[in-house]
Structures are given as structure tokens and as C-alpha cells.
PDB file of N, CA and C in Angstrom:
ATOM      1  N   MET A   1     -11.240  58.530 -24.081  1.00  0.00           N
ATOM      2  CA  MET A   1     -12.371  58.675 -22.787  1.00  0.00           C
ATOM      3  C   MET A   1     -12.690  58.082 -21.802  1.00  0.00           C
ATOM      4  N   ARG A   2     -12.025  57.226 -21.732  1.00  0.00           N
ATOM      5  CA  ARG A   2     -11.314  56.790 -19.568  1.00  0.00           C
ATOM      6  C   ARG A   2     -10.493  57.281 -19.482  1.00  0.00           C
ATOM      7  N   TYR A   3      -9.578  58.197 -20.070  1.00  0.00           N
ATOM      8  CA  TYR A   3      -8.724  58.680 -19.254  1.00  0.00           C
ATOM      9  C   TYR A   3      -9.332  60.141 -18.971  1.00  0.00           C
ATOM     10  N   LEU A   4      -9.501  60.534 -19.989  1.00  0.00           N
ATOM     11  CA  LEU A   4     -10.675  62.048 -19.650  1.00  0.00           C
ATOM     12  C   LEU A   4     -11.370  61.896 -18.866  1.00  0.00           C
ATOM     13  N   PHE A   5     -12.116  60.382 -18.542  1.00  0.00           N
ATOM     14  CA  PHE A   5     -12.899  60.378 -17.592  1.00  0.00           C
ATOM     15  C   PHE A   5     -11.974  60.421 -15.787  1.00  0.00           C
ATOM     16  N   GLY A   6     -10.429  59.851 -15.856  1.00  0.00           N
ATOM     17  CA  GLY A   6     -10.742  59.560 -15.015  1.00  0.00           C
ATOM     18  C   GLY A   6      -9.215  60.266 -14.534  1.00  0.00           C
ATOM     19  N   LEU A   7      -9.264  61.555 -15.183  1.00  0.00           N
ATOM     20  CA  LEU A   7      -8.666  62.956 -15.422  1.00  0.00           C
ATOM     21  C   LEU A   7      -9.875  63.736 -14.080  1.00  0.00           C
ATOM     22  N   LEU A   8     -11.068  63.895 -15.275  1.00  0.00           N
ATOM     23  CA  LEU A   8     -12.060  64.144 -14.170  1.00  0.00           C
ATOM     24  C   LEU A   8     -11.927  64.075 -12.937  1.00  0.00           C
ATOM     25  N   MET A   9     -12.550  63.212 -12.513  1.00  0.00           N
ATOM     26  CA  MET A   9     -12.096  62.431 -10.772  1.00  0.00           C
ATOM     27  C   MET A   9     -11.442  62.356 -10.294  1.00  0.00           C
ATOM     28  N   LEU A  10      -9.823  62.443 -10.647  1.00  0.00           N
ATOM     29  CA  LEU A  10      -8.837  63.069 -10.493  1.00  0.00           C
ATOM     30  C   LEU A  10      -9.527  64.783  -9.398  1.00  0.00           C
ATOM     31  N   THR A  11      -9.038  65.739 -10.834  1.00  0.00           N
ATOM     32  CA  THR A  11      -9.296  66.589 -10.670  1.00  0.00           C
ATOM     33  C   THR A  11     -10.367  67.346  -9.150  1.00  0.00           C
ATOM     34  N   THR A  12     -11.581  66.565  -9.932  1.00  0.00           N
ATOM     35  CA  THR A  12     -12.792  66.675  -8.913  1.00  0.00           C
ATOM     36  C   THR A  12     -12.421  66.718  -7.037  1.00  0.00           C
ATOM     37  N   GLY A  13     -11.778  64.874  -6.944  1.00  0.00           N
ATOM     38  CA  GLY A  13     -10.840  65.239  -5.989  1.00  0.00           C
ATOM     39  C   GLY A  13     -10.272  65.750  -5.433  1.00  0.00           C
ATOM     40  N   LEU A  14      -9.226  66.459  -5.934  1.00  0.00           N
ATOM     41  CA  LEU A  14      -7.964  67.014  -5.317  1.00  0.00           C
ATOM     42  C   LEU A  14      -8.983  68.767  -5.027  1.00  0.00           C
ATOM     43  N   SER A  15      -9.863  69.060  -5.755  1.00  0.00           N
ATOM     44  CA  SER A  15     -10.342  70.284  -5.513  1.00  0.00           C
ATOM     45  C   SER A  15     -11.389  70.070  -3.727  1.00  0.00           C
ATOM     46  N   ALA A  16     -11.890  68.905  -4.158  1.00  0.00           N
ATOM     47  CA  ALA A  16     -12.815  69.257  -2.250  1.00  0.00           C
ATOM     48  C   ALA A  16     -11.237  68.855  -1.133  1.00  0.00           C
ATOM     49  N   CYS A  17     -10.306  68.144  -1.919  1.00  0.00           N
ATOM     50  CA  CYS A  17      -9.228  67.980  -0.651  1.00  0.00           C
ATOM     51  C   CYS A  17      -8.734  69.017  -0.554  1.00  0.00           C
ATOM     52  N   SER A  18      -8.290  69.995  -1.431  1.00  0.00           N
ATOM     53  CA  SER A  18      -8.477  71.627  -1.338  1.00  0.00           C
ATOM     54  C   SER A  18      -9.247  72.914  -0.844  1.00  0.00           C
ATOM     55  N   GLN A  19     -10.569  72.245  -1.130  1.00  0.00           N
ATOM     56  CA  GLN A  19     -11.244  73.293   0.025  1.00  0.00           C
ATOM     57  C   GLN A  19     -11.025  72.958   1.064  1.00  0.00           C
ATOM     58  N   LYS A  20     -11.122  71.266   1.502  1.00  0.00           N
ATOM     59  CA  LYS A  20     -11.345  71.040   3.356  1.00  0.00           C
ATOM     60  C   LYS A  20      -9.614  71.916   4.018  1.00  0.00           C
ATOM     61  N   SER A  21      -8.817  71.770   2.910  1.00  0.00           N
ATOM     62  CA  SER A  21      -7.675  72.244   3.974  1.00  0.00           C
ATOM     63  C   SER A  21      -7.661  73.885   3.976  1.00  0.00           C
ATOM     64  N   ILE A  22      -8.167  74.630   3.049  1.00  0.00           N
ATOM     65  CA  ILE A  22      -8.568  75.764   2.971  1.00  0.00           C
ATOM     66  C   ILE A  22      -9.500  75.969   4.197  1.00  0.00           C
ATOM     67  N   TYR A  23     -10.759  75.394   5.213  1.00  0.00           N
ATOM     68  CA  TYR A  23     -11.743  75.472   5.397  1.00  0.00           C
ATOM     69  C   TYR A  23     -10.874  75.286   6.887  1.00  0.00           C
ATOM     70  N   GLU A  24      -9.826  74.172   6.954  1.00  0.00           N
ATOM     71  CA  GLU A  24      -9.360  73.575   8.664  1.00  0.00           C
ATOM     72  C   GLU A  24      -8.301  74.920   8.870  1.00  0.00           C
ATOM     73  N   ALA A  25      -7.774  75.310   7.635  1.00  0.00           N
ATOM     74  CA  ALA A  25      -6.314  76.508   7.607  1.00  0.00           C
ATOM     75  C   ALA A  25      -6.638  77.430   8.760  1.00  0.00           C
ATOM     76  N   ALA A  26      -8.370  78.338   7.488  1.00  0.00           N
ATOM     77  CA  ALA A  26      -9.012  79.251   8.150  1.00  0.00           C
ATOM     78  C   ALA A  26      -9.374  79.228  10.100  1.00  0.00           C
ATOM     79  N   GLN A  27     -10.077  78.034  10.082  1.00  0.00           N
ATOM     80  CA  GLN A  27     -10.557  77.388  11.123  1.00  0.00           C
ATOM     81  C   GLN A  27      -9.348  77.765  12.578  1.00  0.00           C
ATOM     82  N   ASN A  28      -8.220  77.010  11.875  1.00  0.00           N
ATOM     83  CA  ASN A  28      -7.512  77.037  12.596  1.00  0.00           C
ATOM     84  C   ASN A  28      -6.702  78.331  13.099  1.00  0.00           C
ATOM     85  N   SER A  29      -7.050  79.674  11.824  1.00  0.00           N
ATOM     86  CA  SER A  29      -6.824  81.101  12.371  1.00  0.00           C
ATOM     87  C   SER A  29      -7.704  81.331  13.523  1.00  0.00           C
ATOM     88  N   ARG A  30      -8.672  80.947  13.034  1.00  0.00           N
ATOM     89  CA  ARG A  30      -9.686  81.364  13.773  1.00  0.00           C
ATOM     90  C   ARG A  30      -9.813  81.117  15.889  1.00  0.00           C
ATOM     91  N   LEU A  31      -9.086  79.898  15.468  1.00  0.00           N
ATOM     92  CA  LEU A  31      -9.239  79.284  16.808  1.00  0.00           C
ATOM     93  C   LEU A  31      -8.002  79.628  17.751  1.00  0.00           C
ATOM     94  N   ASN A  32      -6.862  80.298  16.613  1.00  0.00           N
ATOM     95  CA  ASN A  32      -5.569  81.008  17.743  1.00  0.00           C
ATOM     96  C   ASN A  32      -6.179  82.067  18.305  1.00  0.00           C
ATOM     97  N   GLU A  33      -6.552  82.935  17.106  1.00  0.00           N
ATOM     98  CA  GLU A  33      -7.367  84.090  17.888  1.00  0.00           C
ATOM     99  C   GLU A  33      -8.663  84.002  19.171  1.00  0.00           C
ATOM    100  N   CYS A  34      -8.594  82.374  19.202  1.00  0.00           N
ATOM    101  CA  CYS A  34      -9.646  82.213  20.323  1.00  0.00           C
ATOM    102  C   CYS A  34      -8.257  82.477  21.646  1.00  0.00           C
ATOM    103  N   ASN A  35      -7.302  81.802  21.621  1.00  0.00           N
ATOM    104  CA  ASN A  35      -6.302  81.859  22.325  1.00  0.00           C
ATOM    105  C   ASN A  35      -5.787  83.433  22.725  1.00  0.00           C
ATOM    106  N   THR A  36      -6.592  84.373  22.690  1.00  0.00           N
ATOM    107  CA  THR A  36      -5.995  85.756  22.737  1.00  0.00           C
ATOM    108  C   THR A  36      -6.924  85.800  23.457  1.00  0.00           C
ATOM    109  N   LEU A  37      -7.951  85.909  24.020  1.00  0.00           N
ATOM    110  CA  LEU A  37      -9.329  85.704  24.466  1.00  0.00           C
ATOM    111  C   LEU A  37      -9.001  84.792  26.045  1.00  0.00           C
ATOM    112  N   GLN A  38     -10.076  85.468  26.997  1.00  0.00           N
ATOM    113  CA  GLN A  38     -10.247  85.043  28.306  1.00  0.00           C
ATOM    114  C   GLN A  38     -11.899  84.715  28.937  1.00  0.00           C
ATOM    115  N   GLY A  39     -11.547  84.017  29.871  1.00  0.00           N
ATOM    116  CA  GLY A  39     -12.655  83.683  30.219  1.00  0.00           C
ATOM    117  C   GLY A  39     -14.359  83.654  29.487  1.00  0.00           C
ATOM    118  N   GLU A  40     -15.708  83.823  29.560  1.00  0.00           N
ATOM    119  CA  GLU A  40     -16.664  83.872  28.800  1.00  0.00           C
ATOM    120  C   GLU A  40     -16.407  83.751  27.683  1.00  0.00           C
ATOM    121  N   LEU A  41     -15.549  84.994  26.524  1.00  0.00           N
ATOM    122  CA  LEU A  41     -15.378  85.403  25.583  1.00  0.00           C
ATOM    123  C   LEU A  41     -14.288  84.150  24.803  1.00  0.00           C
ATOM    124  N   TYR A  42     -13.642  83.199  25.675  1.00  0.00           N
ATOM    125  CA  TYR A  42     -12.453  82.290  24.747  1.00  0.00           C
ATOM    126  C   TYR A  42     -13.358  81.493  24.640  1.00  0.00           C
ATOM    127  N   GLU A  43     -14.357  81.125  26.103  1.00  0.00           N
ATOM    128  CA  GLU A  43     -15.149  79.731  25.547  1.00  0.00           C
ATOM    129  C   GLU A  43     -16.357  80.393  24.847  1.00  0.00           C
ATOM    130  N   GLN A  44     -17.295  81.024  24.317  1.00  0.00           N
ATOM    131  CA  GLN A  44     -17.873  81.732  23.447  1.00  0.00           C
ATOM    132  C   GLN A  44     -16.963  81.327  21.819  1.00  0.00           C
ATOM    133  N   CYS A  45     -15.809  81.879  22.136  1.00  0.00           N
ATOM    134  CA  CYS A  45     -15.307  81.287  20.384  1.00  0.00           C
ATOM    135  C   CYS A  45     -14.935  79.997  19.965  1.00  0.00           C
ATOM    136  N   LEU A  46     -14.824  79.413  21.204  1.00  0.00           N
ATOM    137  CA  LEU A  46     -13.993  78.444  20.745  1.00  0.00           C
ATOM    138  C   LEU A  46     -15.028  77.095  20.787  1.00  0.00           C
ATOM    139  N   GLU A  47     -16.708  77.416  21.472  1.00  0.00           N
ATOM    140  CA  GLU A  47     -17.739  77.478  20.835  1.00  0.00           C
ATOM    141  C   GLU A  47     -18.377  77.285  18.904  1.00  0.00           C
ATOM    142  N   GLU A  48     -18.127  78.527  19.212  1.00  0.00           N
ATOM    143  CA  GLU A  48     -18.491  79.399  17.289  1.00  0.00           C
ATOM    144  C   GLU A  48     -17.230  78.778  16.211  1.00  0.00           C
ATOM    145  N   ASN A  49     -16.252  78.394  16.847  1.00  0.00           N
ATOM    146  CA  ASN A  49     -15.661  77.842  15.480  1.00  0.00           C
ATOM    147  C   ASN A  49     -15.187  76.451  16.248  1.00  0.00           C
ATOM    148  N   SER A  50     -16.160  75.766  16.634  1.00  0.00           N
ATOM    149  CA  SER A  50     -16.099  73.963  16.661  1.00  0.00           C
ATOM    150  C   SER A  50     -16.310  73.952  15.442  1.00  0.00           C
ATOM    151  N   MET A  51     -16.954  74.233  14.144  1.00  0.00           N
ATOM    152  CA  MET A  51     -17.608  73.084  13.425  1.00  0.00           C
ATOM    153  C   MET A  51     -16.850  72.492  12.655  1.00  0.00           C
ATOM    154  N   SER A  52     -17.069  70.984  12.591  1.00  0.00           N
ATOM    155  CA  SER A  52     -16.036  70.236  11.576  1.00  0.00           C
ATOM    156  C   SER A  52     -16.416  70.625   9.754  1.00  0.00           C
ATOM    157  N   TYR A  53     -15.661  70.100   9.246  1.00  0.00           N
ATOM    158  CA  TYR A  53     -15.745  70.752   7.798  1.00  0.00           C
ATOM    159  C   TYR A  53     -16.826  69.441   7.279  1.00  0.00           C
ATOM    160  N   GLU A  54     -17.001  68.641   7.601  1.00  0.00           N
ATOM    161  CA  GLU A  54     -18.385  67.890   7.599  1.00  0.00           C
ATOM    162  C   GLU A  54     -19.278  68.663   7.947  1.00  0.00           C
ATOM    163  N   GLU A  55     -19.516  68.817   9.176  1.00  0.00           N
ATOM    164  CA  GLU A  55     -20.321  69.493   9.569  1.00  0.00           C
ATOM    165  C   GLU A  55     -21.180  70.906   8.707  1.00  0.00           C
ATOM    166  N   TYR A  56     -19.613  70.841   8.262  1.00  0.00           N
ATOM    167  CA  TYR A  56     -19.919  72.659   7.318  1.00  0.00           C
ATOM    168  C   TYR A  56     -20.477  72.628   6.110  1.00  0.00           C
ATOM    169  N   GLN A  57     -19.846  72.104   5.622  1.00  0.00           N
ATOM    170  CA  GLN A  57     -21.197  71.487   4.544  1.00  0.00           C
ATOM    171  C   GLN A  57     -22.587  70.269   4.684  1.00  0.00           C
ATOM    172  N   ARG A  58     -22.288  69.506   5.651  1.00  0.00           N
ATOM    173  CA  ARG A  58     -23.991  69.453   5.378  1.00  0.00           C
ATOM    174  C   ARG A  58     -24.743  70.632   6.044  1.00  0.00           C
ATOM    175  N   GLU A  59     -24.305  72.000   6.703  1.00  0.00           N
ATOM    176  CA  GLU A  59     -24.864  73.071   7.242  1.00  0.00           C
ATOM    177  C   GLU A  59     -25.501  73.773   5.449  1.00  0.00           C
ATOM    178  N   ARG A  60     -23.641  74.015   4.935  1.00  0.00           N
ATOM    179  CA  ARG A  60     -23.974  74.514   3.611  1.00  0.00           C
ATOM    180  C   ARG A  60     -25.414  73.956   2.771  1.00  0.00           C
ATOM    181  N   ASN A  61     -24.942  72.624   2.500  1.00  0.00           N
ATOM    182  CA  ASN A  61     -25.744  71.974   1.627  1.00  0.00           C
ATOM    183  C   ASN A  61     -27.602  71.711   1.990  1.00  0.00           C
ATOM    184  N   GLY A  62     -28.028  72.499   3.150  1.00  0.00           N
ATOM    185  CA  GLY A  62     -29.330  72.722   4.177  1.00  0.00           C
ATOM    186  C   GLY A  62     -29.350  70.972   4.330  1.00  0.00           C
ATOM    187  N   GLU A  63     -28.700  70.326   5.291  1.00  0.00           N
ATOM    188  CA  GLU A  63     -28.745  69.152   5.528  1.00  0.00           C
ATOM    189  C   GLU A  63     -28.859  69.300   7.028  1.00  0.00           C
ATOM    190  N   HIS A  64     -29.743  68.790   7.677  1.00  0.00           N
ATOM    191  CA  HIS A  64     -29.246  69.046   9.263  1.00  0.00           C
ATOM    192  C   HIS A  64     -28.679  67.869  10.091  1.00  0.00           C
ATOM    193  N   LYS A  65     -27.730  67.819  11.278  1.00  0.00           N
ATOM    194  CA  LYS A  65     -27.857  66.296  11.281  1.00  0.00           C
ATOM    195  C   LYS A  65     -29.224  65.650  12.178  1.00  0.00           C
ATOM    196  N   GLN A  66     -29.168  64.476  12.298  1.00  0.00           N
ATOM    197  CA  GLN A  66     -30.004  63.867  13.047  1.00  0.00           C
ATOM    198  C   GLN A  66     -29.319  63.176  14.322  1.00  0.00           C
ATOM    199  N   GLU A  67     -30.836  64.193  15.397  1.00  0.00           N
ATOM    200  CA  GLU A  67     -29.459  64.148  16.773  1.00  0.00           C
ATOM    201  C   GLU A  67     -30.816  62.814  17.259  1.00  0.00           C
TER     202      GLU A  67
END
């Protein structure tokens, strides 16, 4: 039973790391596309694609950052 619980925790942890890696890879791709733009479009693109994975998770879960 302890082995099964440990395996479940490991799998859950790896899944979360994997999701973060996928998010960051997609974000890097979008940021590279920003580099093809100039001026205001470049600045707007960077702003739209600057959300960290943690911020994305909070927004996705309906949590709002307290400022």
C-alpha cells in the first residue's frame, strides 16, 4: 500500500513538472515569434506572453493575485 501511494505521488509530481515544461516551451515559442515584430506590436506581444506558469495556474483556477 505504501508503495502504491509513493508511486501515485511520484506520478502526480512528474505530471505537474511535465505540464509546466509544456507551458514554458509554448511560451518560448510565442516569445520567439514576438522577435519578428517591431515597435508597438513587439511590446504588445511581449506583454501578452509574459505570464509565468504560476500566474497562469492561478488564473486558470479562478484565483486572483492580491495587489
